[in-house]
Amino acid sequence: MDKLAVRGTTETEAALRAAPEDEYMSPAQVAFFRQRLRAEEEALLSAVKETAGHLQESEVSADWSDRASTEEEHTLELRVRDRERKLLQKIREALRRIDDGNYGWCEETGEPIGIARLLARPTASLCLEAQERREQSKRRFGG
């Protein structure tokens, strides 16, 4: 990524952080997050195509150690792609929340999630406090 694009993103993020509370989830902020989510979605879809092509191109080796290495690489790639598939689902859910007008608001409490949290994790659907409660509950009950 070139320096100008990075600087522009940093400046935009700083402007989002500095925006007054009454501008929370303004049309410009929503547009920023929609664009960020769409870019991430495109990058993940590109990675999926690359992996599919890579897995189809691989040759079967007669050497057992080469075959084992190749299988291990494929297993690792598939594991990464599975994580990316789950992230892709979260991205699409976040885009649906944008379309529904619920993006940026905690699903549990209705409170603002916060710009800083959304910049760090654009797919967040819970405010920090609700997320912490959910994680504590999972640890406590093994869920």
N, C-alpha and C. Protein backbone atom coordinates (compact mmCIF):
# COMPACT_ATOMS: atom_id res chain seq x y z
N MET A 1 0.84 -1.17 0.00
CA MET A 1 0.00 0.00 0.00
C MET A 1 0.89 1.24 0.00
N ASP A 2 0.53 2.25 -0.80
CA ASP A 2 1.41 3.41 -0.85
C ASP A 2 1.21 4.32 0.36
N LYS A 3 2.21 5.18 0.57
CA LYS A 3 2.22 6.03 1.77
C LYS A 3 1.05 7.00 1.79
N LEU A 4 0.65 7.50 0.63
CA LEU A 4 -0.45 8.45 0.57
C LEU A 4 -1.75 7.79 1.03
N ALA A 5 -2.02 6.58 0.57
CA ALA A 5 -3.23 5.87 0.98
C ALA A 5 -3.23 5.60 2.47
N VAL A 6 -2.09 5.22 3.02
CA VAL A 6 -2.00 4.96 4.45
C VAL A 6 -2.22 6.25 5.22
N ARG A 7 -1.58 7.36 4.77
CA ARG A 7 -1.75 8.63 5.46
C ARG A 7 -3.21 9.07 5.40
N GLY A 8 -3.85 8.93 4.25
CA GLY A 8 -5.26 9.30 4.12
C GLY A 8 -6.15 8.50 5.05
N THR A 9 -5.87 7.21 5.19
CA THR A 9 -6.63 6.37 6.09
C THR A 9 -6.42 6.79 7.53
N THR A 10 -5.18 7.08 7.89
CA THR A 10 -4.86 7.51 9.25
C THR A 10 -5.55 8.82 9.56
N GLU A 11 -5.52 9.76 8.61
CA GLU A 11 -6.19 11.05 8.80
C GLU A 11 -7.70 10.86 8.94
N THR A 12 -8.28 9.99 8.14
CA THR A 12 -9.71 9.72 8.23
C THR A 12 -10.06 9.10 9.57
N GLU A 13 -9.26 8.16 10.02
CA GLU A 13 -9.50 7.53 11.32
C GLU A 13 -9.39 8.55 12.44
N ALA A 14 -8.41 9.45 12.34
CA ALA A 14 -8.26 10.49 13.36
C ALA A 14 -9.48 11.41 13.36
N ALA A 15 -9.98 11.74 12.19
CA ALA A 15 -11.18 12.58 12.10
C ALA A 15 -12.39 11.86 12.70
N LEU A 16 -12.50 10.56 12.45
CA LEU A 16 -13.61 9.79 13.03
C LEU A 16 -13.53 9.79 14.55
N ARG A 17 -12.32 9.58 15.07
CA ARG A 17 -12.14 9.57 16.53
C ARG A 17 -12.45 10.93 17.15
N ALA A 18 -12.15 12.00 16.43
CA ALA A 18 -12.32 13.36 16.96
C ALA A 18 -13.74 13.89 16.77
N ALA A 19 -14.57 13.18 16.03
CA ALA A 19 -15.93 13.67 15.75
C ALA A 19 -16.74 13.77 17.05
N PRO A 20 -17.60 14.78 17.13
CA PRO A 20 -18.44 14.92 18.33
C PRO A 20 -19.41 13.74 18.48
N GLU A 21 -19.80 13.47 19.71
CA GLU A 21 -20.67 12.32 19.99
C GLU A 21 -22.01 12.42 19.25
N ASP A 22 -22.51 13.63 19.03
CA ASP A 22 -23.81 13.77 18.36
C ASP A 22 -23.73 13.43 16.87
N GLU A 23 -22.53 13.23 16.35
CA GLU A 23 -22.36 12.80 14.96
C GLU A 23 -22.15 11.30 14.84
N TYR A 24 -22.31 10.56 15.95
CA TYR A 24 -22.07 9.12 15.94
C TYR A 24 -22.95 8.44 14.90
N MET A 25 -22.33 7.66 14.05
CA MET A 25 -22.95 6.92 12.96
C MET A 25 -23.68 7.85 11.99
N SER A 26 -23.00 8.97 11.72
CA SER A 26 -23.49 9.90 10.69
C SER A 26 -23.38 9.19 9.33
N PRO A 27 -24.04 9.70 8.32
CA PRO A 27 -23.92 9.07 6.99
C PRO A 27 -22.47 8.92 6.52
N ALA A 28 -21.63 9.90 6.82
CA ALA A 28 -20.23 9.81 6.40
C ALA A 28 -19.51 8.69 7.15
N GLN A 29 -19.78 8.54 8.44
CA GLN A 29 -19.15 7.47 9.21
C GLN A 29 -19.63 6.10 8.73
N VAL A 30 -20.91 5.98 8.49
CA VAL A 30 -21.46 4.72 8.00
C VAL A 30 -20.85 4.38 6.64
N ALA A 31 -20.72 5.38 5.78
CA ALA A 31 -20.11 5.16 4.46
C ALA A 31 -18.66 4.70 4.60
N PHE A 32 -17.93 5.29 5.55
CA PHE A 32 -16.54 4.88 5.79
C PHE A 32 -16.47 3.40 6.16
N PHE A 33 -17.31 2.98 7.10
CA PHE A 33 -17.27 1.59 7.55
C PHE A 33 -17.79 0.64 6.47
N ARG A 34 -18.79 1.06 5.70
CA ARG A 34 -19.26 0.23 4.59
C ARG A 34 -18.12 -0.02 3.61
N GLN A 35 -17.38 1.04 3.27
CA GLN A 35 -16.27 0.92 2.33
C GLN A 35 -15.19 0.01 2.90
N ARG A 36 -14.88 0.17 4.18
CA ARG A 36 -13.84 -0.65 4.82
C ARG A 36 -14.27 -2.13 4.83
N LEU A 37 -15.52 -2.39 5.15
CA LEU A 37 -16.01 -3.78 5.17
C LEU A 37 -16.03 -4.38 3.77
N ARG A 38 -16.44 -3.62 2.78
CA ARG A 38 -16.46 -4.12 1.40
C ARG A 38 -15.04 -4.43 0.91
N ALA A 39 -14.08 -3.58 1.26
CA ALA A 39 -12.68 -3.82 0.85
C ALA A 39 -12.17 -5.10 1.50
N GLU A 40 -12.49 -5.30 2.75
CA GLU A 40 -12.04 -6.52 3.43
C GLU A 40 -12.73 -7.75 2.83
N GLU A 41 -14.00 -7.61 2.48
CA GLU A 41 -14.73 -8.71 1.85
C GLU A 41 -14.08 -9.08 0.51
N GLU A 42 -13.74 -8.08 -0.29
CA GLU A 42 -13.09 -8.34 -1.58
C GLU A 42 -11.74 -9.02 -1.41
N ALA A 43 -10.97 -8.58 -0.42
CA ALA A 43 -9.66 -9.19 -0.17
C ALA A 43 -9.80 -10.66 0.23
N LEU A 44 -10.79 -10.95 1.06
CA LEU A 44 -11.00 -12.34 1.47
C LEU A 44 -11.46 -13.21 0.30
N LEU A 45 -12.36 -12.69 -0.52
CA LEU A 45 -12.82 -13.46 -1.68
C LEU A 45 -11.67 -13.72 -2.65
N SER A 46 -10.78 -12.76 -2.80
CA SER A 46 -9.61 -12.95 -3.65
C SER A 46 -8.71 -14.05 -3.09
N ALA A 47 -8.53 -14.06 -1.79
CA ALA A 47 -7.70 -15.09 -1.14
C ALA A 47 -8.31 -16.47 -1.32
N VAL A 48 -9.63 -16.56 -1.26
CA VAL A 48 -10.32 -17.85 -1.45
C VAL A 48 -10.06 -18.37 -2.86
N LYS A 49 -10.18 -17.49 -3.85
CA LYS A 49 -9.93 -17.91 -5.23
C LYS A 49 -8.49 -18.38 -5.41
N GLU A 50 -7.57 -17.66 -4.79
CA GLU A 50 -6.15 -18.01 -4.88
C GLU A 50 -5.90 -19.39 -4.28
N THR A 51 -6.49 -19.65 -3.13
CA THR A 51 -6.31 -20.96 -2.47
C THR A 51 -6.91 -22.07 -3.32
N ALA A 52 -8.10 -21.84 -3.85
CA ALA A 52 -8.74 -22.87 -4.66
C ALA A 52 -7.85 -23.21 -5.87
N GLY A 53 -7.31 -22.19 -6.51
CA GLY A 53 -6.43 -22.42 -7.64
C GLY A 53 -5.16 -23.15 -7.23
N HIS A 54 -4.61 -22.76 -6.10
CA HIS A 54 -3.38 -23.38 -5.60
C HIS A 54 -3.61 -24.86 -5.28
N LEU A 55 -4.72 -25.17 -4.65
CA LEU A 55 -5.00 -26.56 -4.28
C LEU A 55 -5.25 -27.42 -5.52
N GLN A 56 -5.85 -26.84 -6.55
CA GLN A 56 -6.12 -27.61 -7.77
C GLN A 56 -4.85 -27.83 -8.59
N GLU A 57 -3.90 -26.92 -8.49
CA GLU A 57 -2.67 -27.00 -9.29
C GLU A 57 -1.64 -27.96 -8.72
N SER A 58 -1.76 -28.30 -7.46
CA SER A 58 -0.70 -29.08 -6.83
C SER A 58 -0.59 -30.47 -7.46
N GLU A 59 0.66 -30.91 -7.57
CA GLU A 59 0.94 -32.21 -8.15
C GLU A 59 1.15 -33.24 -7.04
N VAL A 60 0.80 -34.48 -7.32
CA VAL A 60 1.03 -35.56 -6.36
C VAL A 60 2.45 -36.07 -6.57
N SER A 61 3.19 -36.06 -5.51
CA SER A 61 4.59 -36.48 -5.57
C SER A 61 4.71 -37.96 -5.21
N ALA A 62 5.69 -38.61 -5.80
CA ALA A 62 5.94 -40.02 -5.48
C ALA A 62 6.71 -40.15 -4.16
N ASP A 63 7.41 -39.09 -3.79
CA ASP A 63 8.20 -39.11 -2.56
C ASP A 63 7.28 -38.88 -1.36
N TRP A 64 7.33 -39.79 -0.39
CA TRP A 64 6.44 -39.72 0.78
C TRP A 64 6.64 -38.46 1.60
N SER A 65 7.87 -38.04 1.78
CA SER A 65 8.11 -36.84 2.59
C SER A 65 7.62 -35.58 1.88
N ASP A 66 7.78 -35.53 0.55
CA ASP A 66 7.25 -34.39 -0.21
C ASP A 66 5.73 -34.37 -0.15
N ARG A 67 5.14 -35.55 -0.26
CA ARG A 67 3.68 -35.66 -0.21
C ARG A 67 3.17 -35.22 1.16
N ALA A 68 3.86 -35.63 2.22
CA ALA A 68 3.45 -35.25 3.58
C ALA A 68 3.58 -33.74 3.78
N SER A 69 4.63 -33.15 3.26
CA SER A 69 4.80 -31.70 3.36
C SER A 69 3.69 -30.97 2.62
N THR A 70 3.37 -31.44 1.43
CA THR A 70 2.30 -30.84 0.64
C THR A 70 0.96 -30.95 1.37
N GLU A 71 0.69 -32.12 1.92
CA GLU A 71 -0.57 -32.32 2.66
C GLU A 71 -0.64 -31.38 3.87
N GLU A 72 0.47 -31.22 4.56
CA GLU A 72 0.51 -30.33 5.72
C GLU A 72 0.26 -28.88 5.31
N GLU A 73 0.86 -28.47 4.21
CA GLU A 73 0.63 -27.12 3.68
C GLU A 73 -0.84 -26.92 3.32
N HIS A 74 -1.44 -27.91 2.69
CA HIS A 74 -2.85 -27.81 2.31
C HIS A 74 -3.73 -27.74 3.55
N THR A 75 -3.43 -28.54 4.55
CA THR A 75 -4.21 -28.52 5.78
C THR A 75 -4.14 -27.16 6.44
N LEU A 76 -2.95 -26.59 6.48
CA LEU A 76 -2.76 -25.27 7.07
C LEU A 76 -3.53 -24.21 6.28
N GLU A 77 -3.44 -24.26 4.96
CA GLU A 77 -4.16 -23.31 4.11
C GLU A 77 -5.65 -23.42 4.32
N LEU A 78 -6.16 -24.65 4.40
CA LEU A 78 -7.60 -24.84 4.59
C LEU A 78 -8.05 -24.32 5.96
N ARG A 79 -7.21 -24.48 6.96
CA ARG A 79 -7.53 -23.96 8.29
C ARG A 79 -7.63 -22.43 8.28
N VAL A 80 -6.67 -21.81 7.59
CA VAL A 80 -6.68 -20.35 7.47
C VAL A 80 -7.92 -19.91 6.70
N ARG A 81 -8.22 -20.59 5.63
CA ARG A 81 -9.39 -20.23 4.82
C ARG A 81 -10.68 -20.43 5.61
N ASP A 82 -10.74 -21.43 6.48
CA ASP A 82 -11.92 -21.62 7.31
C ASP A 82 -12.12 -20.43 8.23
N ARG A 83 -11.02 -19.95 8.83
CA ARG A 83 -11.11 -18.74 9.68
C ARG A 83 -11.57 -17.55 8.85
N GLU A 84 -11.04 -17.44 7.65
CA GLU A 84 -11.43 -16.34 6.77
C GLU A 84 -12.89 -16.46 6.35
N ARG A 85 -13.37 -17.70 6.16
CA ARG A 85 -14.79 -17.90 5.81
C ARG A 85 -15.68 -17.39 6.94
N LYS A 86 -15.28 -17.68 8.18
CA LYS A 86 -16.05 -17.20 9.32
C LYS A 86 -16.02 -15.68 9.40
N LEU A 87 -14.86 -15.08 9.11
CA LEU A 87 -14.75 -13.63 9.10
C LEU A 87 -15.61 -13.04 7.98
N LEU A 88 -15.63 -13.69 6.84
CA LEU A 88 -16.45 -13.23 5.72
C LEU A 88 -17.92 -13.21 6.12
N GLN A 89 -18.35 -14.22 6.85
CA GLN A 89 -19.74 -14.25 7.33
C GLN A 89 -20.00 -13.08 8.28
N LYS A 90 -19.06 -12.77 9.16
CA LYS A 90 -19.22 -11.64 10.07
C LYS A 90 -19.25 -10.31 9.32
N ILE A 91 -18.44 -10.21 8.27
CA ILE A 91 -18.44 -9.00 7.45
C ILE A 91 -19.80 -8.82 6.80
N ARG A 92 -20.34 -9.88 6.25
CA ARG A 92 -21.64 -9.79 5.59
C ARG A 92 -22.75 -9.46 6.58
N GLU A 93 -22.64 -9.99 7.80
CA GLU A 93 -23.61 -9.63 8.84
C GLU A 93 -23.50 -8.15 9.19
N ALA A 94 -22.28 -7.63 9.26
CA ALA A 94 -22.07 -6.20 9.55
C ALA A 94 -22.65 -5.35 8.42
N LEU A 95 -22.45 -5.76 7.18
CA LEU A 95 -23.03 -5.02 6.05
C LEU A 95 -24.55 -5.05 6.10
N ARG A 96 -25.14 -6.16 6.54
CA ARG A 96 -26.60 -6.22 6.70
C ARG A 96 -27.06 -5.25 7.79
N ARG A 97 -26.27 -5.17 8.88
CA ARG A 97 -26.62 -4.22 9.95
C ARG A 97 -26.55 -2.78 9.44
N ILE A 98 -25.59 -2.50 8.55
CA ILE A 98 -25.52 -1.16 7.94
C ILE A 98 -26.79 -0.92 7.14
N ASP A 99 -27.17 -1.88 6.32
CA ASP A 99 -28.38 -1.74 5.50
C ASP A 99 -29.64 -1.57 6.35
N ASP A 100 -29.66 -2.25 7.50
CA ASP A 100 -30.83 -2.18 8.40
C ASP A 100 -30.82 -0.94 9.29
N GLY A 101 -29.68 -0.22 9.32
CA GLY A 101 -29.56 0.96 10.17
C GLY A 101 -29.18 0.64 11.60
N ASN A 102 -28.70 -0.58 11.87
CA ASN A 102 -28.33 -0.98 13.22
C ASN A 102 -26.83 -1.01 13.47
N TYR A 103 -26.04 -0.71 12.46
CA TYR A 103 -24.59 -0.80 12.59
C TYR A 103 -24.10 0.25 13.58
N GLY A 104 -23.17 -0.18 14.45
CA GLY A 104 -22.58 0.73 15.41
C GLY A 104 -23.28 0.73 16.76
N TRP A 105 -24.37 -0.01 16.85
CA TRP A 105 -25.15 -0.07 18.09
C TRP A 105 -25.10 -1.49 18.64
N CYS A 106 -24.90 -1.60 19.94
CA CYS A 106 -24.76 -2.89 20.61
C CYS A 106 -26.06 -3.69 20.47
N GLU A 107 -25.95 -4.94 20.02
CA GLU A 107 -27.11 -5.81 19.87
C GLU A 107 -27.75 -6.16 21.21
N GLU A 108 -26.94 -6.12 22.27
CA GLU A 108 -27.43 -6.51 23.59
C GLU A 108 -28.01 -5.35 24.38
N THR A 109 -27.33 -4.20 24.36
CA THR A 109 -27.73 -3.08 25.21
C THR A 109 -28.34 -1.91 24.45
N GLY A 110 -28.10 -1.83 23.14
CA GLY A 110 -28.57 -0.70 22.36
C GLY A 110 -27.68 0.52 22.47
N GLU A 111 -26.61 0.42 23.25
CA GLU A 111 -25.65 1.51 23.43
C GLU A 111 -24.72 1.59 22.22
N PRO A 112 -24.09 2.76 22.01
CA PRO A 112 -23.10 2.86 20.94
C PRO A 112 -21.91 1.92 21.20
N ILE A 113 -21.45 1.27 20.16
CA ILE A 113 -20.27 0.40 20.27
C ILE A 113 -19.02 1.26 20.41
N GLY A 114 -18.98 2.36 19.71
CA GLY A 114 -17.87 3.29 19.78
C GLY A 114 -16.98 3.22 18.55
N ILE A 115 -16.55 4.39 18.11
CA ILE A 115 -15.72 4.49 16.91
C ILE A 115 -14.40 3.74 17.08
N ALA A 116 -13.75 3.91 18.23
CA ALA A 116 -12.45 3.26 18.43
C ALA A 116 -12.58 1.74 18.30
N ARG A 117 -13.62 1.17 18.88
CA ARG A 117 -13.82 -0.28 18.80
C ARG A 117 -14.14 -0.70 17.37
N LEU A 118 -14.95 0.07 16.67
CA LEU A 118 -15.30 -0.27 15.30
C LEU A 118 -14.09 -0.12 14.36
N LEU A 119 -13.21 0.82 14.64
CA LEU A 119 -11.99 0.93 13.84
C LEU A 119 -11.10 -0.29 14.06
N ALA A 120 -11.05 -0.77 15.29
CA ALA A 120 -10.23 -1.94 15.60
C ALA A 120 -10.88 -3.22 15.09
N ARG A 121 -12.20 -3.30 15.19
CA ARG A 121 -12.94 -4.50 14.78
C ARG A 121 -14.25 -4.05 14.11
N PRO A 122 -14.21 -3.80 12.81
CA PRO A 122 -15.40 -3.29 12.11
C PRO A 122 -16.61 -4.24 12.14
N THR A 123 -16.38 -5.50 12.46
CA THR A 123 -17.48 -6.46 12.51
C THR A 123 -18.13 -6.55 13.90
N ALA A 124 -17.65 -5.75 14.85
CA ALA A 124 -18.17 -5.83 16.22
C ALA A 124 -19.68 -5.56 16.24
N SER A 125 -20.38 -6.37 17.00
CA SER A 125 -21.82 -6.19 17.15
C SER A 125 -22.20 -5.92 18.61
N LEU A 126 -21.21 -5.97 19.49
CA LEU A 126 -21.43 -5.73 20.92
C LEU A 126 -20.49 -4.63 21.40
N CYS A 127 -20.98 -3.83 22.34
CA CYS A 127 -20.09 -2.85 22.97
C CYS A 127 -19.08 -3.62 23.82
N LEU A 128 -18.05 -2.94 24.23
CA LEU A 128 -16.96 -3.60 24.96
C LEU A 128 -17.46 -4.28 26.23
N GLU A 129 -18.31 -3.61 26.99
CA GLU A 129 -18.81 -4.17 28.25
C GLU A 129 -19.63 -5.44 28.00
N ALA A 130 -20.50 -5.42 27.00
CA ALA A 130 -21.32 -6.60 26.68
C ALA A 130 -20.43 -7.74 26.19
N GLN A 131 -19.40 -7.43 25.40
CA GLN A 131 -18.48 -8.46 24.92
C GLN A 131 -17.73 -9.09 26.08
N GLU A 132 -17.29 -8.26 27.02
CA GLU A 132 -16.59 -8.79 28.19
C GLU A 132 -17.50 -9.69 29.02
N ARG A 133 -18.75 -9.29 29.21
CA ARG A 133 -19.70 -10.14 29.95
C ARG A 133 -19.90 -11.48 29.25
N ARG A 134 -20.01 -11.44 27.93
CA ARG A 134 -20.20 -12.67 27.16
C ARG A 134 -18.99 -13.59 27.30
N GLU A 135 -17.79 -13.02 27.23
CA GLU A 135 -16.57 -13.83 27.36
C GLU A 135 -16.44 -14.41 28.77
N GLN A 136 -16.79 -13.63 29.79
CA GLN A 136 -16.74 -14.14 31.17
C GLN A 136 -17.74 -15.27 31.35
N SER A 137 -18.90 -15.13 30.79
CA SER A 137 -19.91 -16.18 30.86
C SER A 137 -19.44 -17.46 30.18
N LYS A 138 -18.80 -17.31 29.02
CA LYS A 138 -18.28 -18.48 28.31
C LYS A 138 -17.22 -19.19 29.13
N ARG A 139 -16.32 -18.39 29.76
CA ARG A 139 -15.28 -19.00 30.59
C ARG A 139 -15.90 -19.71 31.80
N ARG A 140 -16.89 -19.08 32.38
CA ARG A 140 -17.51 -19.62 33.59
C ARG A 140 -18.29 -20.91 33.29
N PHE A 141 -19.02 -20.90 32.18
CA PHE A 141 -19.88 -22.03 31.88
C PHE A 141 -19.34 -22.91 30.76
N GLY A 142 -18.15 -22.61 30.29
CA GLY A 142 -17.52 -23.45 29.26
C GLY A 142 -18.20 -23.40 27.93
N GLY A 143 -18.90 -22.33 27.61
CA GLY A 143 -19.67 -22.21 26.39
C GLY A 143 -18.86 -21.73 25.29
